[in-house]
N, C-alpha and C. Protein backbone atom coordinates (compact mmCIF):
# COMPACT_ATOMS: atom_id res chain seq x y z
N MET A 1 6.86 8.25 -5.67
CA MET A 1 5.73 8.89 -5.54
C MET A 1 5.52 10.14 -6.32
N SER A 2 4.50 10.40 -7.08
CA SER A 2 4.39 11.47 -8.02
C SER A 2 4.13 12.70 -7.07
N ARG A 3 4.50 13.92 -7.73
CA ARG A 3 4.22 15.11 -7.04
C ARG A 3 2.69 15.31 -6.77
N GLN A 4 1.80 14.81 -7.73
CA GLN A 4 0.44 15.01 -7.51
C GLN A 4 -0.03 14.17 -6.18
N VAL A 5 0.40 12.84 -6.12
CA VAL A 5 0.06 12.06 -4.94
C VAL A 5 0.52 12.65 -3.80
N ALA A 6 1.84 13.10 -3.65
CA ALA A 6 2.38 13.71 -2.45
C ALA A 6 1.57 15.05 -2.04
N GLU A 7 1.05 15.69 -3.05
CA GLU A 7 0.34 16.96 -2.68
C GLU A 7 -1.19 16.60 -2.27
N GLY A 8 -1.56 15.42 -2.36
CA GLY A 8 -2.82 15.04 -1.88
C GLY A 8 -3.96 14.99 -2.97
N THR A 9 -3.44 15.27 -4.18
CA THR A 9 -4.62 15.39 -5.29
C THR A 9 -4.44 14.12 -6.06
N GLY A 10 -5.59 13.34 -5.93
CA GLY A 10 -5.75 12.18 -6.76
C GLY A 10 -5.01 10.93 -6.18
N SER A 11 -4.70 10.99 -4.83
CA SER A 11 -4.09 9.84 -4.08
C SER A 11 -4.87 8.59 -4.23
N PRO A 12 -4.31 7.54 -4.50
CA PRO A 12 -5.04 6.26 -4.61
C PRO A 12 -5.21 5.64 -3.17
N ILE A 13 -4.66 6.19 -2.24
CA ILE A 13 -4.76 5.53 -0.86
C ILE A 13 -5.56 6.52 0.09
N SER A 14 -6.56 5.99 0.83
CA SER A 14 -7.42 6.74 1.58
C SER A 14 -6.51 7.34 2.79
N HIS A 15 -7.12 8.46 3.28
CA HIS A 15 -6.43 9.09 4.31
C HIS A 15 -6.14 8.20 5.58
N ASP A 16 -7.11 7.45 5.88
CA ASP A 16 -7.01 6.43 7.04
C ASP A 16 -5.91 5.49 6.86
N ALA A 17 -5.95 4.69 5.56
CA ALA A 17 -4.87 3.86 5.17
C ALA A 17 -3.50 4.53 5.13
N TYR A 18 -3.45 5.73 4.72
CA TYR A 18 -2.09 6.46 4.61
C TYR A 18 -1.58 6.54 6.06
N ASN A 19 -2.43 6.89 6.99
CA ASN A 19 -2.04 7.14 8.49
C ASN A 19 -1.43 5.80 9.01
N VAL A 20 -2.33 4.78 8.86
CA VAL A 20 -1.80 3.39 9.43
C VAL A 20 -0.57 2.98 8.73
N ILE A 21 -0.39 3.13 7.41
CA ILE A 21 0.80 2.73 6.72
C ILE A 21 1.95 3.57 7.11
N SER A 22 1.82 4.93 7.40
CA SER A 22 2.87 5.79 7.93
C SER A 22 3.30 5.36 9.38
N ALA A 23 2.32 5.03 10.21
CA ALA A 23 2.60 4.54 11.60
C ALA A 23 3.50 3.30 11.54
N LEU A 24 3.07 2.32 10.65
CA LEU A 24 3.74 1.01 10.51
C LEU A 24 5.20 1.36 10.18
N HIS A 25 5.40 2.21 9.22
CA HIS A 25 6.76 2.50 8.68
C HIS A 25 7.63 3.09 9.91
N ALA A 26 6.95 3.91 10.58
CA ALA A 26 7.79 4.58 11.80
C ALA A 26 8.05 3.42 12.86
N LYS A 27 7.07 2.56 13.10
CA LYS A 27 7.33 1.38 14.11
C LYS A 27 8.44 0.65 13.52
N TYR A 28 8.46 0.19 12.23
CA TYR A 28 9.60 -0.66 11.68
C TYR A 28 10.85 0.18 11.83
N GLU A 29 10.90 1.38 11.58
CA GLU A 29 12.18 2.00 11.81
C GLU A 29 12.61 1.96 13.12
N GLY A 30 11.71 2.11 14.05
CA GLY A 30 12.11 2.10 15.66
C GLY A 30 12.64 0.63 15.97
N LEU A 31 11.88 -0.37 15.40
CA LEU A 31 12.38 -1.61 15.62
C LEU A 31 13.81 -2.00 15.19
N GLU A 32 14.12 -1.33 14.02
CA GLU A 32 15.36 -1.62 13.42
C GLU A 32 16.43 -0.83 14.32
N ALA A 33 16.16 0.44 14.84
CA ALA A 33 17.00 1.12 15.67
C ALA A 33 17.07 0.24 17.14
N TYR A 34 16.22 -0.18 17.60
CA TYR A 34 16.20 -1.00 18.88
C TYR A 34 17.22 -2.18 18.66
N ARG A 35 17.09 -2.95 17.44
CA ARG A 35 17.98 -3.97 17.13
C ARG A 35 19.49 -3.68 17.16
N LYS A 36 19.78 -2.40 16.53
CA LYS A 36 21.10 -1.93 16.42
C LYS A 36 21.65 -1.57 17.74
N TYR A 37 20.69 -0.80 18.54
CA TYR A 37 21.19 -0.32 19.95
C TYR A 37 21.46 -1.60 20.97
N SER A 38 20.79 -2.63 20.72
CA SER A 38 20.85 -3.83 21.65
C SER A 38 22.18 -4.43 21.38
N TRP A 39 22.87 -4.27 20.33
CA TRP A 39 24.23 -4.74 20.26
C TRP A 39 25.33 -4.09 21.20
N ASP A 40 24.94 -2.81 21.56
CA ASP A 40 25.86 -2.06 22.29
C ASP A 40 25.83 -2.08 23.73
N GLY A 41 24.72 -2.47 24.28
CA GLY A 41 24.54 -2.48 25.72
C GLY A 41 23.49 -3.39 26.33
N ASP A 42 22.99 -2.85 27.31
CA ASP A 42 21.86 -3.71 28.13
C ASP A 42 20.74 -3.93 27.12
N GLN A 43 20.56 -5.26 26.81
CA GLN A 43 19.53 -5.74 25.99
C GLN A 43 18.22 -5.65 26.48
N ARG A 44 18.09 -5.67 27.83
CA ARG A 44 16.71 -5.67 28.61
C ARG A 44 15.90 -4.58 27.98
N ILE A 45 16.38 -3.29 28.18
CA ILE A 45 15.38 -2.25 27.80
C ILE A 45 15.09 -2.36 26.31
N TRP A 46 15.99 -2.69 25.43
CA TRP A 46 15.63 -2.77 24.02
C TRP A 46 14.56 -3.89 23.59
N LYS A 47 14.77 -4.97 24.35
CA LYS A 47 13.91 -6.20 24.20
C LYS A 47 12.47 -5.74 24.74
N GLU A 48 12.38 -4.92 25.85
CA GLU A 48 11.08 -4.55 26.27
C GLU A 48 10.44 -3.68 25.25
N LEU A 49 11.16 -2.66 24.82
CA LEU A 49 10.59 -1.78 23.75
C LEU A 49 10.25 -2.34 22.51
N ARG A 50 11.03 -3.39 22.07
CA ARG A 50 10.75 -4.11 20.84
C ARG A 50 9.52 -4.95 21.07
N GLU A 51 9.17 -5.53 22.23
CA GLU A 51 7.97 -6.12 22.46
C GLU A 51 6.78 -5.31 22.47
N ARG A 52 6.85 -4.00 22.98
CA ARG A 52 5.77 -3.15 23.00
C ARG A 52 5.50 -2.68 21.55
N ASP A 53 6.40 -2.45 20.70
CA ASP A 53 6.34 -2.03 19.41
C ASP A 53 5.88 -3.23 18.57
N ASP A 54 6.22 -4.42 18.87
CA ASP A 54 5.62 -5.57 18.11
C ASP A 54 4.13 -5.55 18.27
N GLU A 55 3.62 -5.33 19.47
CA GLU A 55 2.23 -5.31 19.87
C GLU A 55 1.51 -4.23 18.94
N ALA A 56 2.17 -3.06 18.89
CA ALA A 56 1.65 -1.89 18.12
C ALA A 56 1.60 -2.24 16.60
N VAL A 57 2.60 -2.86 16.17
CA VAL A 57 2.68 -3.36 14.74
C VAL A 57 1.56 -4.31 14.43
N ARG A 58 1.15 -5.38 15.31
CA ARG A 58 0.15 -6.21 15.25
C ARG A 58 -1.25 -5.40 15.08
N LEU A 59 -1.47 -4.51 15.94
CA LEU A 59 -2.65 -3.78 16.01
C LEU A 59 -2.77 -2.77 14.68
N LEU A 60 -1.70 -2.31 14.32
CA LEU A 60 -1.74 -1.49 12.95
C LEU A 60 -1.99 -2.39 11.87
N CYS A 61 -1.39 -3.60 11.78
CA CYS A 61 -1.67 -4.56 10.78
C CYS A 61 -3.12 -4.99 10.65
N ASP A 62 -3.67 -5.14 11.80
CA ASP A 62 -5.17 -5.72 11.98
C ASP A 62 -5.95 -4.38 11.44
N GLU A 63 -5.61 -3.22 11.72
CA GLU A 63 -6.45 -2.17 11.30
C GLU A 63 -6.29 -1.95 9.87
N LEU A 64 -5.06 -2.26 9.26
CA LEU A 64 -4.97 -2.07 7.70
C LEU A 64 -5.69 -3.23 7.06
N GLU A 65 -5.81 -4.43 7.65
CA GLU A 65 -6.48 -5.54 7.02
C GLU A 65 -8.04 -5.03 7.19
N LYS A 66 -8.62 -4.56 8.23
CA LYS A 66 -9.91 -4.17 8.44
C LYS A 66 -10.32 -3.11 7.38
N LEU A 67 -9.43 -2.17 7.15
CA LEU A 67 -9.75 -1.17 6.12
C LEU A 67 -9.89 -1.79 4.78
N ALA A 68 -8.98 -2.81 4.49
CA ALA A 68 -9.04 -3.46 3.18
C ALA A 68 -10.34 -4.25 3.10
N ARG A 69 -10.54 -4.97 4.12
CA ARG A 69 -11.86 -5.80 4.08
C ARG A 69 -13.08 -4.88 3.98
N GLU A 70 -13.14 -3.60 4.54
CA GLU A 70 -14.29 -2.83 4.44
C GLU A 70 -14.32 -2.10 3.08
N GLY A 71 -13.35 -2.03 2.34
CA GLY A 71 -13.11 -1.49 1.06
C GLY A 71 -12.83 0.06 1.33
N ARG A 72 -12.10 0.27 2.44
CA ARG A 72 -11.53 1.71 2.68
C ARG A 72 -10.09 1.91 2.65
N LEU A 73 -9.36 0.83 1.93
CA LEU A 73 -7.92 1.02 1.72
C LEU A 73 -7.65 2.20 0.68
N CYS A 74 -8.22 2.04 -0.41
CA CYS A 74 -8.01 2.92 -1.46
C CYS A 74 -9.17 4.03 -1.73
N THR A 75 -8.73 5.11 -2.12
CA THR A 75 -9.86 6.13 -2.36
C THR A 75 -10.89 5.74 -3.31
N SER A 76 -10.53 4.88 -4.24
CA SER A 76 -11.56 4.62 -5.35
C SER A 76 -12.47 3.39 -4.66
N GLN A 77 -11.81 2.74 -3.75
CA GLN A 77 -12.77 1.79 -3.14
C GLN A 77 -13.78 2.52 -2.06
N SER A 78 -13.22 3.56 -1.42
CA SER A 78 -14.14 4.07 -0.43
C SER A 78 -15.27 4.88 -1.04
N SER A 79 -15.20 5.16 -2.34
CA SER A 79 -16.31 5.93 -3.03
C SER A 79 -17.35 5.03 -3.38
N ARG A 80 -17.12 3.64 -3.23
CA ARG A 80 -18.29 2.70 -3.54
C ARG A 80 -18.52 1.76 -2.43
N SER A 81 -19.71 1.27 -2.32
CA SER A 81 -20.19 0.48 -1.19
C SER A 81 -19.82 -0.97 -1.57
N THR A 82 -19.30 -1.62 -0.57
CA THR A 82 -18.91 -3.14 -0.64
C THR A 82 -20.01 -3.94 0.10
N HIS A 83 -21.01 -3.42 0.73
CA HIS A 83 -21.96 -4.19 1.51
C HIS A 83 -23.10 -4.55 0.71
């Protein structure tokens, strides 16, 4: 990522999309951690947490798809009407 994009000047991704993508990334990191932790002990708790995060990932993916459908994924899209 270029310095300009990181600083928020000229970012091609809308603020809403960035937040959803960031949340998805965090959820996937958590899911990977649960997978690793489940090797060491009681798998019940890690399975339950994984199922809850799986649902959150589904909701976030749905939201990202909605943003794309509505033309709000990229900043260049959000400035023009798709209706």
